[in-house]
N, C-alpha and C. Protein backbone atom coordinates (compact mmCIF):
# COMPACT_ATOMS: atom_id res chain seq x y z
N MET A 1 -9.71 -1.51 -14.75
CA MET A 1 -10.75 -0.91 -14.53
C MET A 1 -10.55 0.58 -13.91
N LYS A 2 -10.92 1.72 -14.74
CA LYS A 2 -10.90 2.88 -14.16
C LYS A 2 -11.99 4.06 -13.95
N LEU A 3 -12.20 4.33 -12.68
CA LEU A 3 -13.39 5.15 -12.32
C LEU A 3 -12.90 6.63 -12.55
N ALA A 4 -14.08 7.68 -12.66
CA ALA A 4 -13.99 8.91 -12.83
C ALA A 4 -15.27 9.30 -12.43
N HIS A 5 -15.15 10.62 -11.46
CA HIS A 5 -16.51 11.31 -11.15
C HIS A 5 -16.26 12.83 -11.59
N ASN A 6 -17.68 13.04 -12.06
CA ASN A 6 -17.95 14.56 -12.08
C ASN A 6 -18.69 14.94 -11.58
N HIS A 7 -18.40 15.99 -10.73
CA HIS A 7 -19.22 16.48 -9.55
C HIS A 7 -20.37 17.26 -10.33
N LEU A 8 -20.21 17.90 -11.26
CA LEU A 8 -21.10 18.79 -11.95
C LEU A 8 -22.67 18.17 -12.51
N LEU A 9 -22.29 16.90 -12.86
CA LEU A 9 -23.05 16.07 -13.64
C LEU A 9 -23.58 14.78 -12.63
N ARG A 10 -22.98 14.65 -11.75
CA ARG A 10 -23.26 13.41 -10.68
C ARG A 10 -23.23 12.21 -11.80
N PHE A 11 -22.40 12.04 -12.56
CA PHE A 11 -22.03 10.85 -13.47
C PHE A 11 -20.69 9.90 -13.15
N LEU A 12 -21.12 8.60 -13.11
CA LEU A 12 -19.71 8.08 -12.70
C LEU A 12 -19.67 7.05 -13.90
N GLN A 13 -18.31 7.25 -14.61
CA GLN A 13 -18.28 6.88 -15.66
C GLN A 13 -16.89 5.46 -15.35
N VAL A 14 -17.54 4.28 -15.63
CA VAL A 14 -16.59 3.16 -15.74
C VAL A 14 -16.18 2.63 -16.76
N LYS A 15 -14.70 2.70 -16.79
CA LYS A 15 -13.97 2.33 -18.25
C LYS A 15 -13.15 0.97 -18.03
N ASN A 16 -13.35 0.02 -18.74
CA ASN A 16 -12.63 -1.09 -18.84
C ASN A 16 -11.10 -0.53 -19.27
N THR A 17 -9.94 -1.06 -18.62
CA THR A 17 -8.86 -0.84 -19.21
C THR A 17 -8.21 -1.77 -19.47
N GLY A 18 -8.74 -3.02 -19.47
CA GLY A 18 -8.02 -4.24 -19.96
C GLY A 18 -7.04 -5.16 -18.77
N HIS A 19 -7.08 -4.18 -17.58
CA HIS A 19 -5.95 -4.79 -16.50
C HIS A 19 -6.45 -5.48 -15.78
N GLU A 20 -7.80 -5.31 -15.60
CA GLU A 20 -8.50 -6.00 -14.35
C GLU A 20 -9.90 -6.56 -14.79
N ASP A 21 -10.67 -7.24 -14.35
CA ASP A 21 -12.13 -7.71 -14.62
C ASP A 21 -13.06 -6.46 -13.88
N LEU A 22 -13.91 -6.36 -14.73
CA LEU A 22 -15.17 -5.31 -14.26
C LEU A 22 -15.69 -5.97 -12.90
N GLN A 23 -15.51 -5.15 -11.71
CA GLN A 23 -16.10 -5.31 -10.43
C GLN A 23 -17.43 -4.86 -10.07
N VAL A 24 -17.43 -3.43 -10.62
CA VAL A 24 -18.77 -2.80 -9.92
C VAL A 24 -19.63 -2.16 -11.28
N LEU A 25 -21.06 -2.38 -11.17
CA LEU A 25 -21.61 -2.09 -12.18
C LEU A 25 -22.54 -0.54 -11.31
N VAL A 26 -22.64 0.45 -11.83
CA VAL A 26 -23.51 1.39 -10.89
C VAL A 26 -24.64 2.03 -11.95
N ILE A 27 -25.61 2.03 -11.68
CA ILE A 27 -26.53 3.29 -12.17
C ILE A 27 -27.19 4.22 -11.16
N ILE A 28 -27.04 5.36 -11.76
CA ILE A 28 -27.53 6.47 -10.88
C ILE A 28 -28.59 7.37 -11.34
N SER A 29 -29.75 7.22 -10.36
CA SER A 29 -30.83 8.25 -10.99
C SER A 29 -30.70 9.58 -10.50
N ARG A 30 -30.57 9.69 -9.14
CA ARG A 30 -30.29 11.12 -8.61
C ARG A 30 -29.70 10.80 -7.18
N PRO A 31 -29.06 11.99 -6.96
CA PRO A 31 -28.33 11.80 -5.37
C PRO A 31 -29.13 11.91 -4.39
N PRO A 32 -28.84 11.36 -2.99
CA PRO A 32 -27.59 10.43 -2.90
C PRO A 32 -27.73 9.05 -3.62
N ILE A 33 -26.37 8.50 -3.96
CA ILE A 33 -26.55 7.19 -4.42
C ILE A 33 -26.34 5.79 -3.68
N LYS A 34 -26.89 4.91 -3.95
CA LYS A 34 -26.28 3.60 -3.27
C LYS A 34 -25.03 3.02 -4.31
N VAL A 35 -24.31 2.59 -3.74
CA VAL A 35 -23.32 1.82 -4.62
C VAL A 35 -23.44 0.18 -4.02
N PHE A 36 -23.77 -0.70 -4.84
CA PHE A 36 -23.72 -2.03 -4.77
C PHE A 36 -22.51 -2.54 -5.50
N THR A 37 -21.58 -3.46 -4.31
CA THR A 37 -20.69 -4.36 -5.34
C THR A 37 -20.84 -5.67 -5.15
N TYR A 38 -20.37 -6.42 -6.49
CA TYR A 38 -20.77 -7.84 -6.66
C TYR A 38 -19.42 -8.65 -6.94
N ASP A 39 -19.26 -9.75 -6.28
CA ASP A 39 -18.37 -10.65 -6.75
C ASP A 39 -18.01 -11.30 -7.83
N ASP A 40 -19.24 -11.45 -8.88
CA ASP A 40 -19.14 -11.84 -9.93
C ASP A 40 -20.55 -11.58 -10.86
N TRP A 41 -20.48 -11.91 -12.07
CA TRP A 41 -21.74 -11.63 -12.91
C TRP A 41 -23.02 -12.47 -12.61
N PHE A 42 -22.84 -13.37 -11.90
CA PHE A 42 -23.82 -14.33 -11.30
C PHE A 42 -24.48 -14.08 -10.11
N MET A 43 -23.75 -13.60 -9.09
CA MET A 43 -24.18 -13.07 -7.74
C MET A 43 -25.90 -12.42 -7.85
N PRO A 44 -26.43 -13.01 -7.08
CA PRO A 44 -28.01 -12.22 -7.02
C PRO A 44 -27.75 -10.70 -6.51
N HIS A 45 -28.46 -10.10 -6.73
CA HIS A 45 -28.56 -8.47 -6.20
C HIS A 45 -28.85 -8.59 -4.60
N THR A 46 -29.57 -9.56 -4.01
CA THR A 46 -29.72 -9.63 -2.62
C THR A 46 -28.45 -9.81 -1.84
N ALA A 47 -27.31 -10.94 -2.51
CA ALA A 47 -26.16 -10.92 -1.62
C ALA A 47 -25.06 -9.82 -2.21
N ALA A 48 -25.20 -8.59 -2.81
CA ALA A 48 -24.48 -7.77 -3.19
C ALA A 48 -24.18 -6.98 -1.89
N ARG A 49 -23.08 -6.32 -1.59
CA ARG A 49 -22.61 -5.52 -0.60
C ARG A 49 -22.80 -3.78 -0.93
N LEU A 50 -23.58 -3.39 0.17
CA LEU A 50 -23.76 -2.05 -0.17
C LEU A 50 -22.95 -1.11 0.50
N LYS A 51 -22.25 0.16 -0.30
CA LYS A 51 -21.44 1.08 0.17
C LYS A 51 -22.26 2.27 0.25
N PHE A 52 -22.74 2.62 1.27
CA PHE A 52 -23.95 3.69 1.63
C PHE A 52 -23.20 4.12 2.81
N PRO A 53 -23.11 5.78 2.98
CA PRO A 53 -23.07 6.70 1.78
C PRO A 53 -21.64 6.58 1.17
N TYR A 54 -21.64 7.02 -0.26
CA TYR A 54 -20.32 6.79 -0.80
C TYR A 54 -19.71 8.47 -0.38
N HIS A 55 -18.53 8.52 -0.39
CA HIS A 55 -17.87 9.76 0.00
C HIS A 55 -18.40 10.79 -0.63
N TRP A 56 -18.77 11.07 -1.76
CA TRP A 56 -19.18 12.48 -2.20
C TRP A 56 -20.74 12.81 -1.77
N ASP A 57 -21.63 11.64 -1.29
CA ASP A 57 -22.52 11.91 -0.88
C ASP A 57 -22.66 12.38 0.99
N GLU A 58 -21.90 11.94 1.52
CA GLU A 58 -21.52 12.15 3.29
C GLU A 58 -21.90 13.71 3.46
N GLN A 59 -21.36 14.58 2.72
CA GLN A 59 -21.59 16.11 2.86
C GLN A 59 -23.29 16.29 2.84
N CYS A 60 -23.46 15.76 1.74
CA CYS A 60 -25.11 16.05 1.18
C CYS A 60 -26.18 15.34 2.53
N LEU A 61 -26.12 14.12 2.86
CA LEU A 61 -26.74 13.65 3.52
C LEU A 61 -26.52 14.50 5.54
N GLN A 62 -25.36 15.25 5.49
CA GLN A 62 -25.20 15.57 6.83
C GLN A 62 -25.87 17.01 6.64
N GLU A 63 -26.23 17.68 5.76
CA GLU A 63 -26.75 19.06 5.75
C GLU A 63 -28.07 18.55 5.84
N SER A 64 -28.67 17.61 5.08
CA SER A 64 -30.12 17.39 4.99
C SER A 64 -30.68 17.03 6.45
N GLN A 65 -29.97 16.41 7.20
CA GLN A 65 -29.98 16.14 8.79
C GLN A 65 -30.29 17.31 9.61
N LYS A 66 -29.41 18.35 8.96
CA LYS A 66 -29.63 19.47 9.95
C LYS A 66 -30.96 20.27 9.59
N ASP A 67 -31.58 20.18 8.71
CA ASP A 67 -32.79 20.98 8.14
C ASP A 67 -34.20 20.50 8.52
N GLU A 68 -33.67 19.09 9.45
CA GLU A 68 -34.94 18.54 10.00
C GLU A 68 -35.31 19.45 11.38
N LEU A 69 -36.45 19.54 11.68
CA LEU A 69 -36.77 20.20 13.25
C LEU A 69 -36.77 19.11 14.22
């Protein structure tokens, strides 16, 4: 599996290279994103592990907290 990130479009591309099973499926609507990881295709969403904030969203979240009064 190969992951690529385009900072301008905020688009995550997942490409199956045939060397590993697909382990992550991500749908992004707008930043910041929440990435859920699943052990297999039959795992329910409530059992998925949440990776938040993701490394490219950490700066965005820190800046938004400074704007609060």
